[in-house]
Amino acid sequence: MISAAISEKGAPWEVLRRWMAGEFDLVISPRLLHELQTVLAREKFRRYLTYEDATEYVSWLHHGAEVVRDPAESVVRGAVEADPDDEYLVGLAGSLGGGDSYLVSVDRHLLDLPDRAVKDGEGRTLARILTPGEFLREIGQEANRG
């Protein structure tokens, strides 16, 4: 979401555009919104967007996406040893369940997880972890199957 906020080019922007077109549901949590606001408020992003634009972007996501509760910390503790701050994202993706959910990210700590998947205690895949480009290919294939 950060890449899409600062550039209308590339796969992250295309993911956002397809969400706006109603091709899939975007699920976020209060913690994710807060992190997005905090990161986009950093001085290094001023060359791409103003603080006001960043705030408006986060507000737009908040009102357009499905906002769900943050996962309980005890559920995800230890999921991302390389960056524990990312554990809530794994918990969020896993809480959606069903195996047809995706965690779309460019974060190497998430992309390096085993099988690039969020799994339950019995090893069933709850969500797949994909880059924006991989996600676009995946939803393109699903559209071709339908």
N, C-alpha and C. Protein backbone atom coordinates (compact mmCIF):
# COMPACT_ATOMS: atom_id res chain seq x y z
N MET A 1 0.81 -1.19 0.00
CA MET A 1 0.00 0.00 0.00
C MET A 1 0.86 1.26 0.00
N ILE A 2 2.06 1.14 0.55
CA ILE A 2 2.94 2.30 0.55
C ILE A 2 3.40 2.60 -0.87
N SER A 3 3.82 1.58 -1.59
CA SER A 3 4.28 1.79 -2.97
C SER A 3 3.18 2.39 -3.83
N ALA A 4 1.96 1.93 -3.65
CA ALA A 4 0.84 2.45 -4.43
C ALA A 4 0.52 3.90 -4.06
N ALA A 5 0.82 4.29 -2.83
CA ALA A 5 0.57 5.66 -2.39
C ALA A 5 1.54 6.65 -3.02
N ILE A 6 2.73 6.19 -3.35
CA ILE A 6 3.74 7.12 -3.84
C ILE A 6 3.97 7.07 -5.35
N SER A 7 3.39 6.08 -6.03
CA SER A 7 3.57 5.99 -7.47
C SER A 7 2.38 5.29 -8.13
N GLU A 8 1.93 5.86 -9.22
CA GLU A 8 0.84 5.26 -9.98
C GLU A 8 1.39 4.36 -11.08
N LYS A 9 2.50 3.72 -10.80
CA LYS A 9 3.12 2.79 -11.75
C LYS A 9 3.41 1.48 -11.04
N GLY A 10 3.50 0.42 -11.81
CA GLY A 10 3.92 -0.86 -11.27
C GLY A 10 2.80 -1.69 -10.69
N ALA A 11 3.18 -2.87 -10.24
CA ALA A 11 2.21 -3.85 -9.73
C ALA A 11 1.46 -3.37 -8.49
N PRO A 12 2.11 -2.70 -7.51
CA PRO A 12 1.34 -2.26 -6.34
C PRO A 12 0.18 -1.33 -6.72
N TRP A 13 0.44 -0.40 -7.64
CA TRP A 13 -0.63 0.50 -8.08
C TRP A 13 -1.72 -0.29 -8.80
N GLU A 14 -1.34 -1.25 -9.62
CA GLU A 14 -2.32 -2.05 -10.35
C GLU A 14 -3.18 -2.86 -9.39
N VAL A 15 -2.60 -3.37 -8.31
CA VAL A 15 -3.39 -4.08 -7.29
C VAL A 15 -4.43 -3.12 -6.71
N LEU A 16 -4.02 -1.93 -6.36
CA LEU A 16 -4.94 -0.94 -5.81
C LEU A 16 -6.03 -0.58 -6.82
N ARG A 17 -5.66 -0.41 -8.07
CA ARG A 17 -6.63 -0.08 -9.12
C ARG A 17 -7.67 -1.19 -9.27
N ARG A 18 -7.21 -2.42 -9.23
CA ARG A 18 -8.14 -3.55 -9.38
C ARG A 18 -9.07 -3.67 -8.17
N TRP A 19 -8.56 -3.34 -6.98
CA TRP A 19 -9.43 -3.31 -5.81
C TRP A 19 -10.50 -2.24 -6.00
N MET A 20 -10.09 -1.06 -6.49
CA MET A 20 -11.05 0.02 -6.72
C MET A 20 -12.09 -0.39 -7.76
N ALA A 21 -11.72 -1.26 -8.69
CA ALA A 21 -12.64 -1.75 -9.71
C ALA A 21 -13.55 -2.86 -9.19
N GLY A 22 -13.35 -3.27 -7.93
CA GLY A 22 -14.21 -4.27 -7.32
C GLY A 22 -13.85 -5.70 -7.63
N GLU A 23 -12.61 -5.95 -8.05
CA GLU A 23 -12.22 -7.31 -8.40
C GLU A 23 -11.95 -8.20 -7.19
N PHE A 24 -11.71 -7.61 -6.04
CA PHE A 24 -11.49 -8.38 -4.82
C PHE A 24 -11.73 -7.47 -3.63
N ASP A 25 -11.83 -8.07 -2.46
CA ASP A 25 -12.02 -7.31 -1.22
C ASP A 25 -10.66 -7.04 -0.59
N LEU A 26 -10.50 -5.83 -0.09
CA LEU A 26 -9.30 -5.45 0.64
C LEU A 26 -9.64 -5.44 2.12
N VAL A 27 -8.92 -6.22 2.90
CA VAL A 27 -9.17 -6.32 4.33
C VAL A 27 -7.97 -5.72 5.06
N ILE A 28 -8.25 -4.80 5.96
CA ILE A 28 -7.20 -4.14 6.74
C ILE A 28 -7.63 -4.09 8.20
N SER A 29 -6.71 -3.71 9.06
CA SER A 29 -7.01 -3.62 10.49
C SER A 29 -6.57 -2.25 11.00
N PRO A 30 -7.05 -1.85 12.17
CA PRO A 30 -6.62 -0.57 12.74
C PRO A 30 -5.09 -0.46 12.86
N ARG A 31 -4.44 -1.52 13.25
CA ARG A 31 -2.98 -1.47 13.39
C ARG A 31 -2.30 -1.25 12.04
N LEU A 32 -2.80 -1.88 11.00
CA LEU A 32 -2.24 -1.69 9.67
C LEU A 32 -2.44 -0.25 9.21
N LEU A 33 -3.62 0.29 9.45
CA LEU A 33 -3.88 1.69 9.10
C LEU A 33 -2.94 2.63 9.85
N HIS A 34 -2.75 2.35 11.14
CA HIS A 34 -1.85 3.18 11.95
C HIS A 34 -0.41 3.09 11.43
N GLU A 35 0.03 1.89 11.11
CA GLU A 35 1.39 1.72 10.59
C GLU A 35 1.55 2.46 9.27
N LEU A 36 0.56 2.35 8.41
CA LEU A 36 0.61 3.03 7.12
C LEU A 36 0.69 4.55 7.32
N GLN A 37 -0.12 5.09 8.22
CA GLN A 37 -0.09 6.52 8.50
C GLN A 37 1.27 6.94 9.06
N THR A 38 1.80 6.15 9.97
CA THR A 38 3.10 6.46 10.59
C THR A 38 4.22 6.45 9.56
N VAL A 39 4.24 5.45 8.71
CA VAL A 39 5.29 5.35 7.70
C VAL A 39 5.18 6.48 6.68
N LEU A 40 3.97 6.74 6.19
CA LEU A 40 3.79 7.79 5.19
C LEU A 40 4.02 9.19 5.76
N ALA A 41 3.99 9.33 7.07
CA ALA A 41 4.25 10.63 7.71
C ALA A 41 5.75 10.94 7.79
N ARG A 42 6.58 9.97 7.51
CA ARG A 42 8.03 10.19 7.58
C ARG A 42 8.47 11.21 6.54
N GLU A 43 9.46 11.97 6.92
CA GLU A 43 9.98 13.03 6.07
C GLU A 43 10.42 12.53 4.69
N LYS A 44 10.97 11.32 4.62
CA LYS A 44 11.48 10.82 3.34
C LYS A 44 10.39 10.65 2.28
N PHE A 45 9.12 10.64 2.71
CA PHE A 45 8.02 10.49 1.75
C PHE A 45 7.46 11.83 1.27
N ARG A 46 7.94 12.96 1.81
CA ARG A 46 7.44 14.27 1.41
C ARG A 46 7.67 14.56 -0.06
N ARG A 47 8.70 13.98 -0.64
CA ARG A 47 8.94 14.23 -2.06
C ARG A 47 7.90 13.55 -2.95
N TYR A 48 7.16 12.60 -2.39
CA TYR A 48 6.13 11.89 -3.14
C TYR A 48 4.72 12.40 -2.85
N LEU A 49 4.46 12.74 -1.59
CA LEU A 49 3.13 13.20 -1.21
C LEU A 49 3.22 14.03 0.07
N THR A 50 2.30 14.96 0.19
CA THR A 50 2.27 15.80 1.39
C THR A 50 1.72 14.99 2.56
N TYR A 51 1.92 15.51 3.74
CA TYR A 51 1.36 14.87 4.93
C TYR A 51 -0.16 14.79 4.80
N GLU A 52 -0.78 15.85 4.30
CA GLU A 52 -2.24 15.87 4.12
C GLU A 52 -2.69 14.81 3.13
N ASP A 53 -1.95 14.67 2.03
CA ASP A 53 -2.29 13.62 1.05
C ASP A 53 -2.15 12.23 1.65
N ALA A 54 -1.12 12.03 2.47
CA ALA A 54 -0.93 10.74 3.13
C ALA A 54 -2.09 10.44 4.07
N THR A 55 -2.50 11.45 4.83
CA THR A 55 -3.63 11.28 5.76
C THR A 55 -4.92 10.98 4.99
N GLU A 56 -5.12 11.68 3.88
CA GLU A 56 -6.31 11.46 3.06
C GLU A 56 -6.30 10.05 2.46
N TYR A 57 -5.15 9.58 2.04
CA TYR A 57 -5.01 8.24 1.47
C TYR A 57 -5.39 7.18 2.50
N VAL A 58 -4.86 7.31 3.71
CA VAL A 58 -5.16 6.35 4.77
C VAL A 58 -6.65 6.40 5.12
N SER A 59 -7.22 7.59 5.18
CA SER A 59 -8.65 7.73 5.47
C SER A 59 -9.48 7.09 4.36
N TRP A 60 -9.08 7.27 3.12
CA TRP A 60 -9.78 6.67 1.99
C TRP A 60 -9.76 5.15 2.09
N LEU A 61 -8.59 4.58 2.42
CA LEU A 61 -8.50 3.14 2.62
C LEU A 61 -9.40 2.69 3.76
N HIS A 62 -9.38 3.43 4.85
CA HIS A 62 -10.19 3.09 6.03
C HIS A 62 -11.67 3.02 5.68
N HIS A 63 -12.13 3.95 4.87
CA HIS A 63 -13.55 3.99 4.53
C HIS A 63 -13.93 3.08 3.37
N GLY A 64 -12.96 2.67 2.55
CA GLY A 64 -13.27 1.84 1.40
C GLY A 64 -13.06 0.35 1.61
N ALA A 65 -12.11 0.02 2.46
CA ALA A 65 -11.77 -1.39 2.68
C ALA A 65 -12.62 -1.97 3.81
N GLU A 66 -12.57 -3.26 3.95
CA GLU A 66 -13.21 -3.92 5.09
C GLU A 66 -12.23 -3.88 6.26
N VAL A 67 -12.61 -3.20 7.32
CA VAL A 67 -11.75 -3.08 8.49
C VAL A 67 -12.17 -4.13 9.51
N VAL A 68 -11.23 -4.98 9.89
CA VAL A 68 -11.49 -6.04 10.87
C VAL A 68 -10.62 -5.79 12.10
N ARG A 69 -10.95 -6.46 13.18
CA ARG A 69 -10.17 -6.29 14.42
C ARG A 69 -8.75 -6.81 14.24
N ASP A 70 -7.84 -6.18 14.97
CA ASP A 70 -6.47 -6.67 14.99
C ASP A 70 -6.43 -8.05 15.62
N PRO A 71 -5.56 -8.94 15.13
CA PRO A 71 -5.46 -10.27 15.74
C PRO A 71 -4.85 -10.19 17.13
N ALA A 72 -5.19 -11.16 17.96
CA ALA A 72 -4.61 -11.23 19.30
C ALA A 72 -3.12 -11.51 19.17
N GLU A 73 -2.30 -10.81 19.95
CA GLU A 73 -0.85 -10.97 19.83
C GLU A 73 -0.39 -12.39 20.16
N SER A 74 -1.05 -13.04 21.10
CA SER A 74 -0.62 -14.38 21.50
C SER A 74 -0.79 -15.40 20.37
N VAL A 75 -1.69 -15.11 19.46
CA VAL A 75 -1.96 -16.03 18.35
C VAL A 75 -0.80 -16.04 17.35
N VAL A 76 -0.12 -14.92 17.21
CA VAL A 76 0.90 -14.81 16.16
C VAL A 76 2.32 -14.71 16.69
N ARG A 77 2.51 -14.74 18.00
CA ARG A 77 3.85 -14.60 18.56
C ARG A 77 4.79 -15.67 18.01
N GLY A 78 5.94 -15.23 17.50
CA GLY A 78 6.94 -16.15 16.96
C GLY A 78 6.76 -16.47 15.49
N ALA A 79 5.75 -15.92 14.84
CA ALA A 79 5.48 -16.25 13.44
C ALA A 79 6.52 -15.68 12.49
N VAL A 80 7.05 -14.50 12.81
CA VAL A 80 8.03 -13.85 11.94
C VAL A 80 9.24 -13.49 12.79
N GLU A 81 10.11 -14.46 12.99
CA GLU A 81 11.25 -14.25 13.88
C GLU A 81 12.15 -13.11 13.42
N ALA A 82 12.32 -12.94 12.11
CA ALA A 82 13.22 -11.91 11.59
C ALA A 82 12.69 -10.49 11.84
N ASP A 83 11.39 -10.33 11.97
CA ASP A 83 10.80 -9.01 12.22
C ASP A 83 9.47 -9.18 12.95
N PRO A 84 9.52 -9.29 14.27
CA PRO A 84 8.30 -9.50 15.06
C PRO A 84 7.22 -8.44 14.84
N ASP A 85 7.61 -7.24 14.39
CA ASP A 85 6.60 -6.21 14.11
C ASP A 85 5.67 -6.60 12.98
N ASP A 86 6.06 -7.55 12.15
CA ASP A 86 5.22 -8.01 11.04
C ASP A 86 4.28 -9.15 11.43
N GLU A 87 4.39 -9.64 12.65
CA GLU A 87 3.59 -10.79 13.05
C GLU A 87 2.09 -10.54 12.96
N TYR A 88 1.67 -9.32 13.25
CA TYR A 88 0.23 -9.05 13.20
C TYR A 88 -0.31 -9.20 11.78
N LEU A 89 0.52 -8.98 10.76
CA LEU A 89 0.06 -9.16 9.38
C LEU A 89 -0.23 -10.63 9.10
N VAL A 90 0.61 -11.50 9.62
CA VAL A 90 0.38 -12.94 9.49
C VAL A 90 -0.90 -13.32 10.22
N GLY A 91 -1.08 -12.78 11.42
CA GLY A 91 -2.29 -13.04 12.18
C GLY A 91 -3.53 -12.53 11.48
N LEU A 92 -3.42 -11.35 10.89
CA LEU A 92 -4.56 -10.78 10.16
C LEU A 92 -4.93 -11.66 8.97
N ALA A 93 -3.94 -12.05 8.17
CA ALA A 93 -4.22 -12.91 7.02
C ALA A 93 -4.78 -14.26 7.46
N GLY A 94 -4.22 -14.81 8.52
CA GLY A 94 -4.69 -16.11 9.02
C GLY A 94 -6.09 -16.05 9.59
N SER A 95 -6.47 -14.91 10.15
CA SER A 95 -7.79 -14.79 10.76
C SER A 95 -8.91 -14.81 9.73
N LEU A 96 -8.58 -14.55 8.49
CA LEU A 96 -9.59 -14.54 7.43
C LEU A 96 -9.93 -15.96 7.01
N GLY A 97 -8.98 -16.88 7.20
CA GLY A 97 -9.20 -18.31 6.99
C GLY A 97 -9.67 -18.68 5.61
N GLY A 98 -10.01 -19.94 5.47
CA GLY A 98 -10.60 -20.44 4.25
C GLY A 98 -9.64 -20.83 3.15
N GLY A 99 -8.40 -20.41 3.21
CA GLY A 99 -7.44 -20.79 2.20
C GLY A 99 -7.49 -20.00 0.92
N ASP A 100 -8.49 -19.13 0.76
CA ASP A 100 -8.56 -18.32 -0.46
C ASP A 100 -8.17 -16.87 -0.20
N SER A 101 -7.46 -16.65 0.89
CA SER A 101 -7.00 -15.31 1.25
C SER A 101 -5.54 -15.15 0.86
N TYR A 102 -5.16 -13.90 0.69
CA TYR A 102 -3.79 -13.59 0.30
C TYR A 102 -3.24 -12.48 1.18
N LEU A 103 -1.97 -12.57 1.48
CA LEU A 103 -1.23 -11.50 2.12
C LEU A 103 -0.29 -11.00 1.03
N VAL A 104 -0.57 -9.80 0.51
CA VAL A 104 0.21 -9.25 -0.59
C VAL A 104 1.22 -8.27 -0.01
N SER A 105 2.49 -8.52 -0.29
CA SER A 105 3.54 -7.72 0.33
C SER A 105 4.82 -7.76 -0.49
N VAL A 106 5.65 -6.76 -0.28
CA VAL A 106 7.01 -6.77 -0.83
C VAL A 106 8.02 -6.94 0.30
N ASP A 107 7.54 -7.18 1.51
CA ASP A 107 8.39 -7.32 2.69
C ASP A 107 9.11 -8.67 2.66
N ARG A 108 10.41 -8.62 2.60
CA ARG A 108 11.22 -9.84 2.50
C ARG A 108 11.01 -10.76 3.69
N HIS A 109 10.78 -10.21 4.89
CA HIS A 109 10.57 -11.06 6.07
C HIS A 109 9.32 -11.93 5.90
N LEU A 110 8.31 -11.39 5.25
CA LEU A 110 7.09 -12.17 5.01
C LEU A 110 7.27 -13.13 3.84
N LEU A 111 7.92 -12.66 2.79
CA LEU A 111 8.11 -13.50 1.61
C LEU A 111 9.06 -14.66 1.86
N ASP A 112 9.86 -14.57 2.90
CA ASP A 112 10.79 -15.65 3.24
C ASP A 112 10.20 -16.69 4.19
N LEU A 113 8.94 -16.54 4.58
CA LEU A 113 8.33 -17.52 5.48
C LEU A 113 8.19 -18.86 4.76
N PRO A 114 8.24 -19.97 5.50
CA PRO A 114 8.14 -21.30 4.88
C PRO A 114 6.89 -21.43 4.00
N ASP A 115 7.09 -21.94 2.82
CA ASP A 115 6.02 -22.18 1.85
C ASP A 115 5.28 -20.90 1.46
N ARG A 116 5.79 -19.75 1.89
CA ARG A 116 5.12 -18.46 1.63
C ARG A 116 3.62 -18.59 1.89
N ALA A 117 3.32 -19.09 3.07
CA ALA A 117 1.92 -19.32 3.44
C ALA A 117 1.71 -19.08 4.92
N VAL A 118 0.48 -18.72 5.26
CA VAL A 118 0.04 -18.63 6.65
C VAL A 118 -0.74 -19.91 6.90
N LYS A 119 -0.30 -20.68 7.90
CA LYS A 119 -0.92 -21.98 8.16
C LYS A 119 -1.48 -22.04 9.57
N ASP A 120 -2.47 -22.90 9.74
CA ASP A 120 -3.01 -23.11 11.08
C ASP A 120 -2.15 -24.16 11.80
N GLY A 121 -2.54 -24.49 13.02
CA GLY A 121 -1.78 -25.44 13.84
C GLY A 121 -1.71 -26.83 13.26
N GLU A 122 -2.59 -27.16 12.33
CA GLU A 122 -2.59 -28.48 11.71
C GLU A 122 -1.94 -28.48 10.33
N GLY A 123 -1.34 -27.34 9.96
CA GLY A 123 -0.63 -27.26 8.70
C GLY A 123 -1.46 -26.89 7.49
N ARG A 124 -2.74 -26.59 7.69
CA ARG A 124 -3.59 -26.18 6.57
C ARG A 124 -3.29 -24.73 6.21
N THR A 125 -3.23 -24.45 4.92
CA THR A 125 -2.96 -23.10 4.46
C THR A 125 -4.20 -22.23 4.63
N LEU A 126 -4.02 -21.12 5.36
CA LEU A 126 -5.09 -20.15 5.57
C LEU A 126 -4.99 -18.98 4.60
N ALA A 127 -3.77 -18.64 4.22
CA ALA A 127 -3.54 -17.54 3.29
C ALA A 127 -2.19 -17.75 2.62
N ARG A 128 -2.11 -17.35 1.37
CA ARG A 128 -0.84 -17.41 0.65
C ARG A 128 -0.19 -16.03 0.67
N ILE A 129 1.13 -16.00 0.73
CA ILE A 129 1.88 -14.74 0.75
C ILE A 129 2.46 -14.53 -0.64
N LEU A 130 2.04 -13.46 -1.30
CA LEU A 130 2.44 -13.20 -2.68
C LEU A 130 2.96 -11.77 -2.83
N THR A 131 3.82 -11.56 -3.80
CA THR A 131 4.20 -10.20 -4.18
C THR A 131 3.02 -9.60 -4.96
N PRO A 132 2.99 -8.29 -5.14
CA PRO A 132 1.91 -7.71 -5.94
C PRO A 132 1.83 -8.30 -7.35
N GLY A 133 2.97 -8.52 -8.00
CA GLY A 133 2.96 -9.11 -9.34
C GLY A 133 2.39 -10.52 -9.35
N GLU A 134 2.78 -11.32 -8.37
CA GLU A 134 2.25 -12.69 -8.27
C GLU A 134 0.75 -12.66 -8.02
N PHE A 135 0.30 -11.75 -7.17
CA PHE A 135 -1.13 -11.63 -6.89
C PHE A 135 -1.91 -11.27 -8.15
N LEU A 136 -1.38 -10.34 -8.93
CA LEU A 136 -2.05 -9.96 -10.18
C LEU A 136 -2.16 -11.14 -11.13
N ARG A 137 -1.10 -11.93 -11.22
CA ARG A 137 -1.17 -13.14 -12.07
C ARG A 137 -2.21 -14.11 -11.52
N GLU A 138 -2.25 -14.26 -10.21
CA GLU A 138 -3.20 -15.19 -9.57
C GLU A 138 -4.64 -14.77 -9.84
N ILE A 139 -4.96 -13.51 -9.65
CA ILE A 139 -6.35 -13.10 -9.87
C ILE A 139 -6.68 -13.09 -11.36
N GLY A 140 -5.68 -12.93 -12.21
CA GLY A 140 -5.90 -13.04 -13.64
C GLY A 140 -6.25 -14.46 -14.03
N GLN A 141 -5.58 -15.43 -13.42
CA GLN A 141 -5.86 -16.84 -13.68
C GLN A 141 -7.23 -17.22 -13.17
N GLU A 142 -7.61 -16.69 -12.00
CA GLU A 142 -8.93 -16.98 -11.46
C GLU A 142 -10.02 -16.44 -12.37
N ALA A 143 -9.81 -15.26 -12.94
CA ALA A 143 -10.79 -14.69 -13.86
C ALA A 143 -10.92 -15.55 -15.11
N ASN A 144 -9.81 -16.10 -15.58
CA ASN A 144 -9.84 -16.96 -16.77
C ASN A 144 -10.53 -18.29 -16.50
N ARG A 145 -10.49 -18.76 -15.24
CA ARG A 145 -11.15 -20.02 -14.88
C ARG A 145 -12.66 -19.85 -14.77
N GLY A 146 -13.08 -18.64 -14.37
CA GLY A 146 -14.49 -18.39 -14.09
C GLY A 146 -15.29 -18.32 -15.31
